[in-house]
Amino acid sequence: MKLLRHIFLFGSLGTLAMACGAGGDDQGTEYAPNMYHSVAYEPYTQITDPEAGAWLTSIEYSESEMPGHAEFYNSNTLNAAVMNVNMNMRTPPANTVPRNKQGWLPYRLPKDSLEIGAKRKSPLDSTAQVLADGKVLYESYCQHCHGAKGAGDGKVADKYAGIANLKGDAYKNITEGHIFHVITHGKGLMWAHGSQISPEDRWKIAKYVKALQK
């Protein structure tokens, strides 16, 4: 009897182990597969079979229903050109330039063009809301170096000498465009923050810095 139990136990374990094998198009047995397969559109792929994942679908699926489909189906039926290449992402038209949600073009001035950048005007008005947003952003990204009042006395200043005192004579006349350019590309001890802070938020910080200087 004990031998039969051992045979059954090892046989069950062997079956489970075989079920975990994966390769090629067979990815093996999955636990909670809807955690691995996105129902949302995937930009570079499409699952075009409307019955894919019907065995676990959480919605009622019927071939007669439109747009009824099973769990894994994620094709964009409204874009025939994209359907032909099995991608959900549209290819941008030639020679187009991406803009942000405000319609602004990318900031393309290189790092060594500070004098040109300093002449740029802020697209934002000096409203109370813009200054309030700028204060929050300044406290998140700038205060640890430049200090709460911009005097170059933040906590990092104890470790690195030479952090700019934004209220000093050398900086009090810099423009918002100058500040935006330096935030974008960095200068001296300051590293570039263009990849961390959006253009709109950089302009808000510039507005707030000018308010601090006053």
N, C-alpha and C. Protein backbone atom coordinates (compact mmCIF):
# COMPACT_ATOMS: atom_id res chain seq x y z
N MET A 1 0.82 -1.21 0.00
CA MET A 1 0.00 0.00 0.00
C MET A 1 0.86 1.26 0.00
N LYS A 2 1.92 1.24 0.85
CA LYS A 2 2.82 2.38 0.91
C LYS A 2 3.51 2.59 -0.43
N LEU A 3 3.84 1.49 -1.09
CA LEU A 3 4.50 1.59 -2.40
C LEU A 3 3.58 2.25 -3.41
N LEU A 4 2.30 1.91 -3.38
CA LEU A 4 1.34 2.51 -4.31
C LEU A 4 1.20 4.02 -4.06
N ARG A 5 1.21 4.39 -2.78
CA ARG A 5 1.13 5.82 -2.45
C ARG A 5 2.35 6.58 -2.98
N HIS A 6 3.53 5.96 -2.85
CA HIS A 6 4.74 6.61 -3.36
C HIS A 6 4.70 6.72 -4.88
N ILE A 7 4.23 5.66 -5.52
CA ILE A 7 4.14 5.70 -7.00
C ILE A 7 3.17 6.79 -7.44
N PHE A 8 2.03 6.87 -6.74
CA PHE A 8 1.04 7.90 -7.09
C PHE A 8 1.60 9.30 -6.85
N LEU A 9 2.31 9.47 -5.71
CA LEU A 9 2.87 10.78 -5.38
C LEU A 9 3.89 11.22 -6.41
N PHE A 10 4.84 10.32 -6.72
CA PHE A 10 5.88 10.69 -7.69
C PHE A 10 5.31 10.84 -9.09
N GLY A 11 4.30 10.07 -9.41
CA GLY A 11 3.65 10.21 -10.72
C GLY A 11 2.97 11.56 -10.86
N SER A 12 2.29 12.00 -9.76
CA SER A 12 1.63 13.31 -9.78
C SER A 12 2.64 14.44 -9.90
N LEU A 13 3.75 14.32 -9.13
CA LEU A 13 4.79 15.34 -9.21
C LEU A 13 5.40 15.40 -10.60
N GLY A 14 5.61 14.24 -11.20
CA GLY A 14 6.16 14.20 -12.56
C GLY A 14 5.23 14.85 -13.56
N THR A 15 3.92 14.62 -13.41
CA THR A 15 2.94 15.23 -14.32
C THR A 15 2.94 16.75 -14.18
N LEU A 16 3.01 17.23 -12.92
CA LEU A 16 3.06 18.67 -12.69
C LEU A 16 4.32 19.28 -13.28
N ALA A 17 5.45 18.59 -13.13
CA ALA A 17 6.71 19.09 -13.67
C ALA A 17 6.65 19.18 -15.18
N MET A 18 6.05 18.19 -15.82
CA MET A 18 5.93 18.20 -17.28
C MET A 18 5.02 19.35 -17.73
N ALA A 19 4.00 19.64 -16.93
CA ALA A 19 3.08 20.72 -17.30
C ALA A 19 3.76 22.07 -17.24
N CYS A 20 4.83 22.19 -16.45
CA CYS A 20 5.52 23.47 -16.32
C CYS A 20 6.52 23.71 -17.44
N GLY A 21 6.75 22.71 -18.26
CA GLY A 21 7.70 22.87 -19.36
C GLY A 21 7.19 23.87 -20.38
N ALA A 22 8.08 24.60 -20.99
CA ALA A 22 7.69 25.62 -21.97
C ALA A 22 8.73 25.67 -23.08
N GLY A 23 8.27 26.10 -24.23
CA GLY A 23 9.18 26.24 -25.36
C GLY A 23 8.43 26.56 -26.62
N GLY A 24 9.00 27.41 -27.45
CA GLY A 24 8.35 27.77 -28.70
C GLY A 24 7.02 28.44 -28.45
N ASP A 25 6.00 27.98 -29.15
CA ASP A 25 4.66 28.54 -28.97
C ASP A 25 3.94 27.98 -27.76
N ASP A 26 4.46 26.91 -27.17
CA ASP A 26 3.85 26.31 -26.00
C ASP A 26 4.55 26.83 -24.75
N GLN A 27 3.88 27.74 -24.03
CA GLN A 27 4.47 28.34 -22.85
C GLN A 27 4.12 27.61 -21.56
N GLY A 28 3.59 26.39 -21.70
CA GLY A 28 3.29 25.59 -20.52
C GLY A 28 2.05 26.07 -19.80
N THR A 29 1.76 25.45 -18.68
CA THR A 29 0.59 25.81 -17.89
C THR A 29 0.88 27.08 -17.09
N GLU A 30 -0.04 28.02 -17.13
CA GLU A 30 0.14 29.28 -16.45
C GLU A 30 -0.83 29.42 -15.30
N TYR A 31 -0.33 29.91 -14.17
CA TYR A 31 -1.20 30.24 -13.04
C TYR A 31 -1.67 31.68 -13.21
N ALA A 32 -2.97 31.88 -13.15
CA ALA A 32 -3.56 33.21 -13.34
C ALA A 32 -3.05 33.85 -14.63
N PRO A 33 -3.35 33.25 -15.79
CA PRO A 33 -2.80 33.76 -17.07
C PRO A 33 -3.18 35.18 -17.39
N ASN A 34 -4.33 35.67 -16.87
CA ASN A 34 -4.70 37.05 -17.19
C ASN A 34 -3.81 38.06 -16.48
N MET A 35 -2.86 37.58 -15.66
CA MET A 35 -1.84 38.47 -15.10
C MET A 35 -0.67 38.63 -16.07
N TYR A 36 -0.54 37.70 -17.01
CA TYR A 36 0.58 37.74 -17.95
C TYR A 36 0.18 38.33 -19.29
N HIS A 37 -1.08 38.19 -19.67
CA HIS A 37 -1.54 38.62 -20.98
C HIS A 37 -2.38 39.88 -20.83
N SER A 38 -1.89 40.96 -21.39
CA SER A 38 -2.57 42.24 -21.26
C SER A 38 -3.82 42.27 -22.12
N VAL A 39 -4.92 42.73 -21.55
CA VAL A 39 -6.14 42.91 -22.32
C VAL A 39 -6.07 44.21 -23.11
N ALA A 40 -5.29 45.14 -22.61
CA ALA A 40 -5.13 46.43 -23.31
C ALA A 40 -4.35 46.25 -24.60
N TYR A 41 -4.40 47.26 -25.46
CA TYR A 41 -3.65 47.20 -26.71
C TYR A 41 -2.16 47.11 -26.45
N GLU A 42 -1.50 46.19 -27.12
CA GLU A 42 -0.04 46.13 -27.12
C GLU A 42 0.43 46.90 -28.35
N PRO A 43 1.41 47.81 -28.23
CA PRO A 43 1.75 48.66 -29.37
C PRO A 43 2.36 47.93 -30.55
N TYR A 44 3.14 46.88 -30.30
CA TYR A 44 3.87 46.26 -31.39
C TYR A 44 3.30 44.90 -31.81
N THR A 45 2.28 44.42 -31.15
CA THR A 45 1.72 43.12 -31.51
C THR A 45 0.21 43.17 -31.45
N GLN A 46 -0.41 42.19 -32.09
CA GLN A 46 -1.85 42.03 -32.00
C GLN A 46 -2.17 40.55 -31.86
N ILE A 47 -3.18 40.25 -31.08
CA ILE A 47 -3.76 38.92 -31.06
C ILE A 47 -5.08 39.04 -31.81
N THR A 48 -5.10 38.47 -33.02
CA THR A 48 -6.22 38.70 -33.93
C THR A 48 -7.33 37.67 -33.81
N ASP A 49 -7.09 36.59 -33.08
CA ASP A 49 -8.12 35.55 -32.92
C ASP A 49 -9.10 35.97 -31.83
N PRO A 50 -10.38 36.24 -32.17
CA PRO A 50 -11.33 36.71 -31.15
C PRO A 50 -11.66 35.65 -30.11
N GLU A 51 -11.29 34.39 -30.36
CA GLU A 51 -11.56 33.33 -29.40
C GLU A 51 -10.38 33.08 -28.47
N ALA A 52 -9.29 33.77 -28.67
CA ALA A 52 -8.11 33.54 -27.84
C ALA A 52 -8.42 33.86 -26.38
N GLY A 53 -8.23 32.88 -25.51
CA GLY A 53 -8.49 33.07 -24.09
C GLY A 53 -9.94 32.90 -23.70
N ALA A 54 -10.75 32.29 -24.59
CA ALA A 54 -12.18 32.12 -24.28
C ALA A 54 -12.40 31.22 -23.08
N TRP A 55 -11.45 30.35 -22.81
CA TRP A 55 -11.60 29.39 -21.71
C TRP A 55 -11.52 30.05 -20.33
N LEU A 56 -10.96 31.29 -20.26
CA LEU A 56 -10.90 31.96 -18.96
C LEU A 56 -11.50 33.35 -18.99
N THR A 57 -12.14 33.71 -20.08
CA THR A 57 -12.62 35.09 -20.22
C THR A 57 -13.54 35.48 -19.08
N SER A 58 -13.40 36.71 -18.62
CA SER A 58 -14.22 37.22 -17.53
C SER A 58 -15.43 37.99 -18.05
N ILE A 59 -15.57 38.07 -19.39
CA ILE A 59 -16.73 38.72 -19.98
C ILE A 59 -17.50 37.70 -20.80
N GLU A 60 -18.77 37.95 -21.01
CA GLU A 60 -19.57 37.03 -21.80
C GLU A 60 -19.14 37.11 -23.26
N TYR A 61 -18.79 35.96 -23.83
CA TYR A 61 -18.28 35.94 -25.19
C TYR A 61 -19.22 35.16 -26.09
N SER A 62 -19.53 35.73 -27.24
CA SER A 62 -20.36 35.05 -28.22
C SER A 62 -19.93 35.49 -29.60
N GLU A 63 -19.79 34.54 -30.53
CA GLU A 63 -19.36 34.89 -31.89
C GLU A 63 -20.38 35.79 -32.57
N SER A 64 -21.62 35.73 -32.14
CA SER A 64 -22.66 36.55 -32.77
C SER A 64 -22.68 37.98 -32.25
N GLU A 65 -21.97 38.22 -31.14
CA GLU A 65 -21.96 39.55 -30.57
C GLU A 65 -20.86 40.40 -31.20
N MET A 66 -21.12 41.67 -31.34
CA MET A 66 -20.11 42.61 -31.82
C MET A 66 -20.03 43.75 -30.82
N PRO A 67 -18.90 44.06 -30.28
CA PRO A 67 -17.60 43.47 -30.58
C PRO A 67 -17.20 42.41 -29.56
N GLY A 68 -18.02 41.37 -29.40
CA GLY A 68 -17.70 40.33 -28.44
C GLY A 68 -16.38 39.65 -28.74
N HIS A 69 -15.60 39.38 -27.73
CA HIS A 69 -14.32 38.71 -27.91
C HIS A 69 -13.89 38.11 -26.59
N ALA A 70 -12.91 37.24 -26.65
CA ALA A 70 -12.41 36.58 -25.46
C ALA A 70 -11.29 37.37 -24.80
N GLU A 71 -10.67 36.79 -23.77
CA GLU A 71 -9.79 37.53 -22.87
C GLU A 71 -8.55 38.11 -23.53
N PHE A 72 -7.90 37.35 -24.42
CA PHE A 72 -6.59 37.78 -24.92
C PHE A 72 -6.67 38.63 -26.20
N TYR A 73 -7.83 38.70 -26.82
CA TYR A 73 -7.97 39.45 -28.07
C TYR A 73 -7.70 40.93 -27.83
N ASN A 74 -6.80 41.52 -28.63
CA ASN A 74 -6.46 42.93 -28.40
C ASN A 74 -6.21 43.68 -29.70
N SER A 75 -6.88 43.29 -30.77
CA SER A 75 -6.64 43.91 -32.07
C SER A 75 -7.44 45.20 -32.24
N ASN A 76 -6.87 46.09 -33.01
CA ASN A 76 -7.50 47.36 -33.31
C ASN A 76 -8.22 47.25 -34.65
N THR A 77 -9.48 46.92 -34.62
CA THR A 77 -10.23 46.69 -35.86
C THR A 77 -10.56 47.98 -36.60
N LEU A 78 -10.34 49.13 -35.95
CA LEU A 78 -10.68 50.41 -36.58
C LEU A 78 -9.55 50.95 -37.44
N ASN A 79 -8.42 50.27 -37.45
CA ASN A 79 -7.28 50.74 -38.21
C ASN A 79 -6.81 49.63 -39.13
N ALA A 80 -7.39 49.57 -40.32
CA ALA A 80 -7.12 48.46 -41.23
C ALA A 80 -5.65 48.42 -41.65
N ALA A 81 -5.04 49.58 -41.85
CA ALA A 81 -3.64 49.60 -42.29
C ALA A 81 -2.74 48.98 -41.24
N VAL A 82 -3.04 49.23 -39.98
CA VAL A 82 -2.24 48.64 -38.91
C VAL A 82 -2.51 47.15 -38.78
N MET A 83 -3.76 46.75 -39.00
CA MET A 83 -4.12 45.33 -38.91
C MET A 83 -3.29 44.50 -39.88
N ASN A 84 -2.97 45.05 -41.03
CA ASN A 84 -2.24 44.29 -42.04
C ASN A 84 -0.82 43.95 -41.63
N VAL A 85 -0.25 44.72 -40.72
CA VAL A 85 1.12 44.44 -40.27
C VAL A 85 1.14 43.95 -38.82
N ASN A 86 -0.05 43.63 -38.29
CA ASN A 86 -0.16 43.06 -36.94
C ASN A 86 0.47 43.93 -35.87
N MET A 87 0.24 45.23 -35.96
CA MET A 87 0.69 46.18 -34.94
C MET A 87 -0.46 47.11 -34.61
N ASN A 88 -0.53 47.53 -33.36
CA ASN A 88 -1.53 48.51 -32.96
C ASN A 88 -1.02 49.93 -33.09
N MET A 89 0.32 50.10 -33.09
CA MET A 89 0.89 51.44 -33.16
C MET A 89 0.92 51.94 -34.60
N ARG A 90 0.46 53.15 -34.81
CA ARG A 90 0.53 53.74 -36.14
C ARG A 90 1.94 54.26 -36.42
N THR A 91 2.38 54.14 -37.64
CA THR A 91 3.66 54.71 -38.04
C THR A 91 3.47 56.19 -38.32
N PRO A 92 4.22 57.08 -37.66
CA PRO A 92 4.03 58.53 -37.89
C PRO A 92 4.31 58.89 -39.34
N PRO A 93 3.59 59.86 -39.89
CA PRO A 93 3.88 60.32 -41.25
C PRO A 93 5.29 60.89 -41.34
N ALA A 94 5.86 60.80 -42.49
CA ALA A 94 7.22 61.29 -42.69
C ALA A 94 7.33 62.78 -42.39
N ASN A 95 8.47 63.16 -41.78
CA ASN A 95 8.82 64.55 -41.52
C ASN A 95 7.92 65.23 -40.47
N THR A 96 7.21 64.46 -39.68
CA THR A 96 6.41 65.05 -38.62
C THR A 96 7.25 65.26 -37.36
N VAL A 97 6.84 66.20 -36.52
CA VAL A 97 7.57 66.52 -35.30
C VAL A 97 6.63 66.33 -34.12
N PRO A 98 7.02 65.56 -33.09
CA PRO A 98 6.13 65.33 -31.96
C PRO A 98 5.94 66.60 -31.14
N ARG A 99 4.75 66.82 -30.64
CA ARG A 99 4.45 67.94 -29.75
C ARG A 99 3.87 67.38 -28.45
N ASN A 100 3.97 68.17 -27.38
CA ASN A 100 3.37 67.70 -26.13
C ASN A 100 1.90 68.09 -26.10
N LYS A 101 1.24 67.86 -24.96
CA LYS A 101 -0.21 68.09 -24.88
C LYS A 101 -0.57 69.56 -25.01
N GLN A 102 0.39 70.46 -24.77
CA GLN A 102 0.14 71.89 -24.97
C GLN A 102 0.40 72.33 -26.41
N GLY A 103 0.89 71.40 -27.23
CA GLY A 103 1.21 71.74 -28.61
C GLY A 103 2.60 72.33 -28.78
N TRP A 104 3.45 72.25 -27.74
CA TRP A 104 4.78 72.81 -27.82
C TRP A 104 5.71 71.88 -28.59
N LEU A 105 6.60 72.47 -29.37
CA LEU A 105 7.62 71.70 -30.07
C LEU A 105 8.72 71.29 -29.10
N PRO A 106 9.48 70.25 -29.43
CA PRO A 106 10.60 69.85 -28.55
C PRO A 106 11.63 70.97 -28.42
N TYR A 107 12.26 71.04 -27.26
CA TYR A 107 13.32 72.03 -27.02
C TYR A 107 14.62 71.46 -27.58
N ARG A 108 15.10 72.04 -28.67
CA ARG A 108 16.23 71.45 -29.38
C ARG A 108 17.52 72.26 -29.30
N LEU A 109 17.53 73.32 -28.51
CA LEU A 109 18.78 74.07 -28.38
C LEU A 109 19.81 73.21 -27.65
N PRO A 110 21.04 73.11 -28.19
CA PRO A 110 22.07 72.32 -27.52
C PRO A 110 22.58 73.00 -26.26
N LYS A 111 23.36 72.27 -25.49
CA LYS A 111 23.83 72.77 -24.19
C LYS A 111 24.64 74.05 -24.32
N ASP A 112 25.43 74.19 -25.38
CA ASP A 112 26.30 75.35 -25.52
C ASP A 112 25.59 76.58 -26.10
N SER A 113 24.26 76.55 -26.13
CA SER A 113 23.50 77.69 -26.68
C SER A 113 22.75 78.43 -25.58
N LEU A 114 23.39 78.59 -24.42
CA LEU A 114 22.73 79.24 -23.29
C LEU A 114 22.32 80.67 -23.60
N GLU A 115 23.16 81.41 -24.32
CA GLU A 115 22.83 82.80 -24.62
C GLU A 115 21.56 82.89 -25.46
N ILE A 116 21.40 81.95 -26.38
CA ILE A 116 20.18 81.94 -27.21
C ILE A 116 18.99 81.50 -26.36
N GLY A 117 19.21 80.45 -25.55
CA GLY A 117 18.13 79.97 -24.70
C GLY A 117 17.64 81.00 -23.71
N ALA A 118 18.56 81.85 -23.25
CA ALA A 118 18.21 82.88 -22.26
C ALA A 118 17.23 83.90 -22.83
N LYS A 119 17.15 84.00 -24.16
CA LYS A 119 16.26 84.97 -24.80
C LYS A 119 14.86 84.42 -25.00
N ARG A 120 14.67 83.13 -24.74
CA ARG A 120 13.35 82.55 -24.90
C ARG A 120 12.39 83.03 -23.82
N LYS A 121 11.16 83.29 -24.22
CA LYS A 121 10.14 83.74 -23.30
C LYS A 121 9.32 82.55 -22.80
N SER A 122 8.93 82.61 -21.56
CA SER A 122 8.11 81.55 -20.99
C SER A 122 6.73 81.54 -21.64
N PRO A 123 6.21 80.37 -21.98
CA PRO A 123 4.85 80.29 -22.53
C PRO A 123 3.78 80.35 -21.46
N LEU A 124 4.19 80.40 -20.18
CA LEU A 124 3.23 80.40 -19.07
C LEU A 124 3.08 81.81 -18.49
N ASP A 125 1.89 82.09 -18.02
CA ASP A 125 1.65 83.34 -17.32
C ASP A 125 2.01 83.19 -15.84
N SER A 126 2.31 84.30 -15.19
CA SER A 126 2.70 84.27 -13.78
C SER A 126 1.46 84.27 -12.89
N THR A 127 0.65 83.24 -13.02
CA THR A 127 -0.56 83.13 -12.20
C THR A 127 -0.21 82.53 -10.85
N ALA A 128 -1.13 82.67 -9.91
CA ALA A 128 -0.92 82.10 -8.58
C ALA A 128 -0.77 80.58 -8.65
N GLN A 129 -1.54 79.96 -9.54
CA GLN A 129 -1.48 78.50 -9.66
C GLN A 129 -0.15 78.05 -10.23
N VAL A 130 0.35 78.75 -11.23
CA VAL A 130 1.66 78.40 -11.81
C VAL A 130 2.75 78.53 -10.76
N LEU A 131 2.73 79.62 -9.97
CA LEU A 131 3.73 79.81 -8.93
C LEU A 131 3.59 78.76 -7.82
N ALA A 132 2.36 78.38 -7.50
CA ALA A 132 2.15 77.35 -6.49
C ALA A 132 2.70 76.00 -6.98
N ASP A 133 2.43 75.68 -8.24
CA ASP A 133 2.98 74.45 -8.82
C ASP A 133 4.50 74.51 -8.85
N GLY A 134 5.03 75.68 -9.21
CA GLY A 134 6.48 75.84 -9.27
C GLY A 134 7.13 75.65 -7.91
N LYS A 135 6.46 76.10 -6.87
CA LYS A 135 6.98 75.93 -5.51
C LYS A 135 7.08 74.45 -5.14
N VAL A 136 6.04 73.70 -5.45
CA VAL A 136 6.04 72.26 -5.16
C VAL A 136 7.16 71.57 -5.93
N LEU A 137 7.31 71.91 -7.19
CA LEU A 137 8.35 71.31 -8.03
C LEU A 137 9.74 71.71 -7.54
N TYR A 138 9.91 72.96 -7.18
CA TYR A 138 11.19 73.43 -6.66
C TYR A 138 11.57 72.66 -5.40
N GLU A 139 10.61 72.46 -4.52
CA GLU A 139 10.89 71.73 -3.28
C GLU A 139 11.27 70.28 -3.55
N SER A 140 10.75 69.72 -4.64
CA SER A 140 11.05 68.32 -4.98
C SER A 140 12.40 68.17 -5.67
N TYR A 141 12.73 69.09 -6.58
CA TYR A 141 13.89 68.92 -7.43
C TYR A 141 15.07 69.84 -7.11
N CYS A 142 14.84 70.95 -6.45
CA CYS A 142 15.87 71.98 -6.33
C CYS A 142 16.29 72.32 -4.91
N GLN A 143 15.36 72.20 -3.99
CA GLN A 143 15.61 72.70 -2.64
C GLN A 143 16.76 71.99 -1.95
N HIS A 144 16.97 70.71 -2.20
CA HIS A 144 18.04 69.98 -1.51
C HIS A 144 19.42 70.56 -1.84
N CYS A 145 19.55 71.24 -2.97
CA CYS A 145 20.82 71.89 -3.31
C CYS A 145 20.77 73.40 -3.04
N HIS A 146 19.77 74.05 -3.63
CA HIS A 146 19.73 75.52 -3.60
C HIS A 146 19.09 76.10 -2.35
N GLY A 147 18.48 75.25 -1.53
CA GLY A 147 17.89 75.75 -0.30
C GLY A 147 16.47 76.24 -0.49
N ALA A 148 15.73 76.35 0.62
CA ALA A 148 14.32 76.73 0.55
C ALA A 148 14.11 78.12 -0.04
N LYS A 149 15.06 79.02 0.18
CA LYS A 149 14.94 80.40 -0.31
C LYS A 149 15.85 80.67 -1.50
N GLY A 150 16.50 79.63 -2.02
CA GLY A 150 17.37 79.80 -3.18
C GLY A 150 18.74 80.33 -2.86
N ALA A 151 19.13 80.30 -1.59
CA ALA A 151 20.41 80.90 -1.17
C ALA A 151 21.59 79.94 -1.28
N GLY A 152 21.40 78.80 -1.91
CA GLY A 152 22.51 77.86 -2.08
C GLY A 152 22.91 77.16 -0.81
N ASP A 153 21.98 77.04 0.14
CA ASP A 153 22.30 76.47 1.45
C ASP A 153 21.50 75.20 1.74
N GLY A 154 21.18 74.44 0.70
CA GLY A 154 20.48 73.18 0.90
C GLY A 154 21.38 72.14 1.56
N LYS A 155 20.80 71.00 1.90
CA LYS A 155 21.56 69.96 2.60
C LYS A 155 22.74 69.46 1.78
N VAL A 156 22.60 69.43 0.46
CA VAL A 156 23.69 68.96 -0.39
C VAL A 156 24.86 69.93 -0.37
N ALA A 157 24.60 71.20 -0.09
CA ALA A 157 25.67 72.22 -0.09
C ALA A 157 26.74 71.91 0.95
N ASP A 158 26.38 71.14 1.98
CA ASP A 158 27.38 70.76 2.99
C ASP A 158 28.41 69.79 2.43
N LYS A 159 28.04 69.10 1.35
CA LYS A 159 28.92 68.09 0.76
C LYS A 159 29.65 68.60 -0.47
N TYR A 160 29.02 69.54 -1.19
CA TYR A 160 29.61 70.04 -2.44
C TYR A 160 29.66 71.56 -2.40
N ALA A 161 30.84 72.10 -2.39
CA ALA A 161 31.00 73.55 -2.37
C ALA A 161 30.75 74.13 -3.77
N GLY A 162 30.21 75.32 -3.81
CA GLY A 162 30.04 76.01 -5.09
C GLY A 162 28.65 75.94 -5.66
N ILE A 163 27.67 75.45 -4.90
CA ILE A 163 26.29 75.43 -5.39
C ILE A 163 25.78 76.86 -5.50
N ALA A 164 25.09 77.14 -6.60
CA ALA A 164 24.69 78.52 -6.91
C ALA A 164 23.74 79.10 -5.87
N ASN A 165 24.06 80.31 -5.43
CA ASN A 165 23.15 81.11 -4.61
C ASN A 165 22.29 81.92 -5.57
N LEU A 166 21.08 81.47 -5.80
CA LEU A 166 20.21 82.07 -6.81
C LEU A 166 19.80 83.50 -6.47
N LYS A 167 20.05 83.92 -5.25
CA LYS A 167 19.70 85.29 -4.84
C LYS A 167 20.91 86.21 -4.86
N GLY A 168 22.06 85.64 -5.26
CA GLY A 168 23.26 86.45 -5.33
C GLY A 168 23.27 87.37 -6.55
N ASP A 169 24.18 88.35 -6.54
CA ASP A 169 24.25 89.34 -7.62
C ASP A 169 24.51 88.70 -8.98
N ALA A 170 25.24 87.59 -8.99
CA ALA A 170 25.58 86.95 -10.26
C ALA A 170 24.38 86.30 -10.93
N TYR A 171 23.30 86.09 -10.18
CA TYR A 171 22.16 85.35 -10.74
C TYR A 171 20.85 86.13 -10.73
N LYS A 172 20.82 87.26 -10.06
CA LYS A 172 19.53 87.93 -9.87
C LYS A 172 18.94 88.46 -11.17
N ASN A 173 19.77 88.63 -12.20
CA ASN A 173 19.25 89.17 -13.47
C ASN A 173 19.10 88.10 -14.55
N ILE A 174 19.30 86.83 -14.21
CA ILE A 174 19.12 85.79 -15.23
C ILE A 174 17.65 85.69 -15.59
N THR A 175 17.37 85.29 -16.82
CA THR A 175 16.00 85.22 -17.31
C THR A 175 15.39 83.85 -17.04
N GLU A 176 14.09 83.77 -17.24
CA GLU A 176 13.41 82.48 -17.11
C GLU A 176 13.92 81.51 -18.18
N GLY A 177 14.23 82.04 -19.36
CA GLY A 177 14.78 81.19 -20.41
C GLY A 177 16.13 80.61 -20.02
N HIS A 178 16.95 81.41 -19.34
CA HIS A 178 18.24 80.95 -18.84
C HIS A 178 18.03 79.79 -17.85
N ILE A 179 17.12 79.99 -16.91
CA ILE A 179 16.86 78.97 -15.89
C ILE A 179 16.36 77.69 -16.56
N PHE A 180 15.42 77.83 -17.51
CA PHE A 180 14.88 76.68 -18.23
C PHE A 180 15.99 75.90 -18.94
N HIS A 181 16.89 76.62 -19.59
CA HIS A 181 17.98 75.99 -20.34
C HIS A 181 18.92 75.23 -19.39
N VAL A 182 19.23 75.83 -18.26
CA VAL A 182 20.14 75.19 -17.31
C VAL A 182 19.49 73.96 -16.68
N ILE A 183 18.20 74.06 -16.37
CA ILE A 183 17.50 72.87 -15.84
C ILE A 183 17.54 71.76 -16.89
N THR A 184 17.36 72.12 -18.14
CA THR A 184 17.31 71.14 -19.21
C THR A 184 18.66 70.44 -19.41
N HIS A 185 19.73 71.22 -19.52
CA HIS A 185 21.03 70.68 -19.91
C HIS A 185 22.05 70.63 -18.78
N GLY A 186 21.79 71.31 -17.68
CA GLY A 186 22.77 71.37 -16.61
C GLY A 186 23.83 72.43 -16.87
N LYS A 187 24.57 72.77 -15.81
CA LYS A 187 25.66 73.75 -15.94
C LYS A 187 26.51 73.68 -14.67
N GLY A 188 27.83 73.62 -14.85
CA GLY A 188 28.71 73.53 -13.70
C GLY A 188 28.47 72.27 -12.90
N LEU A 189 28.24 72.43 -11.59
CA LEU A 189 27.97 71.28 -10.73
C LEU A 189 26.60 70.66 -10.98
N MET A 190 25.70 71.42 -11.56
CA MET A 190 24.33 70.95 -11.75
C MET A 190 24.23 70.05 -12.97
N TRP A 191 23.65 68.88 -12.77
CA TRP A 191 23.46 67.95 -13.88
C TRP A 191 22.17 68.28 -14.61
N ALA A 192 22.05 67.74 -15.82
CA ALA A 192 20.85 67.94 -16.64
C ALA A 192 19.64 67.27 -15.99
N HIS A 193 18.50 67.96 -16.03
CA HIS A 193 17.26 67.41 -15.50
C HIS A 193 16.17 67.35 -16.57
N GLY A 194 16.56 67.49 -17.83
CA GLY A 194 15.57 67.49 -18.90
C GLY A 194 14.82 66.18 -19.04
N SER A 195 15.46 65.07 -18.65
CA SER A 195 14.80 63.77 -18.78
C SER A 195 13.89 63.48 -17.60
N GLN A 196 14.07 64.22 -16.49
CA GLN A 196 13.26 63.98 -15.30
C GLN A 196 12.08 64.94 -15.16
N ILE A 197 12.22 66.13 -15.72
CA ILE A 197 11.20 67.17 -15.52
C ILE A 197 10.64 67.58 -16.87
N SER A 198 9.33 67.60 -16.99
CA SER A 198 8.70 67.96 -18.26
C SER A 198 8.95 69.43 -18.59
N PRO A 199 8.85 69.81 -19.88
CA PRO A 199 9.06 71.22 -20.25
C PRO A 199 8.14 72.17 -19.49
N GLU A 200 6.87 71.81 -19.34
CA GLU A 200 5.94 72.67 -18.62
C GLU A 200 6.39 72.87 -17.17
N ASP A 201 6.83 71.79 -16.53
CA ASP A 201 7.27 71.91 -15.14
C ASP A 201 8.58 72.69 -15.02
N ARG A 202 9.45 72.60 -16.03
CA ARG A 202 10.68 73.40 -16.01
C ARG A 202 10.36 74.89 -16.06
N TRP A 203 9.38 75.25 -16.87
CA TRP A 203 8.98 76.67 -16.94
C TRP A 203 8.35 77.11 -15.62
N LYS A 204 7.61 76.23 -14.97
CA LYS A 204 7.01 76.57 -13.68
C LYS A 204 8.09 76.81 -12.62
N ILE A 205 9.11 75.96 -12.63
CA ILE A 205 10.22 76.15 -11.70
C ILE A 205 10.92 77.48 -11.97
N ALA A 206 11.12 77.79 -13.25
CA ALA A 206 11.76 79.06 -13.60
C ALA A 206 10.95 80.24 -13.09
N LYS A 207 9.63 80.16 -13.21
CA LYS A 207 8.77 81.23 -12.68
C LYS A 207 8.96 81.37 -11.18
N TYR A 208 9.00 80.24 -10.49
CA TYR A 208 9.11 80.29 -9.03
C TYR A 208 10.49 80.81 -8.60
N VAL A 209 11.54 80.45 -9.31
CA VAL A 209 12.88 80.93 -8.97
C VAL A 209 12.92 82.46 -9.10
N LYS A 210 12.32 82.99 -10.15
CA LYS A 210 12.29 84.46 -10.30
C LYS A 210 11.49 85.10 -9.18
N ALA A 211 10.45 84.42 -8.70
CA ALA A 211 9.68 84.95 -7.58
C ALA A 211 10.53 84.93 -6.30
N LEU A 212 11.34 83.88 -6.12
CA LEU A 212 12.23 83.82 -4.97
C LEU A 212 13.24 84.97 -5.00
N GLN A 213 13.73 85.27 -6.18
CA GLN A 213 14.76 86.30 -6.31
C GLN A 213 14.21 87.69 -5.97
N LYS A 214 12.92 87.86 -6.06
CA LYS A 214 12.34 89.16 -5.74
C LYS A 214 12.15 89.32 -4.24
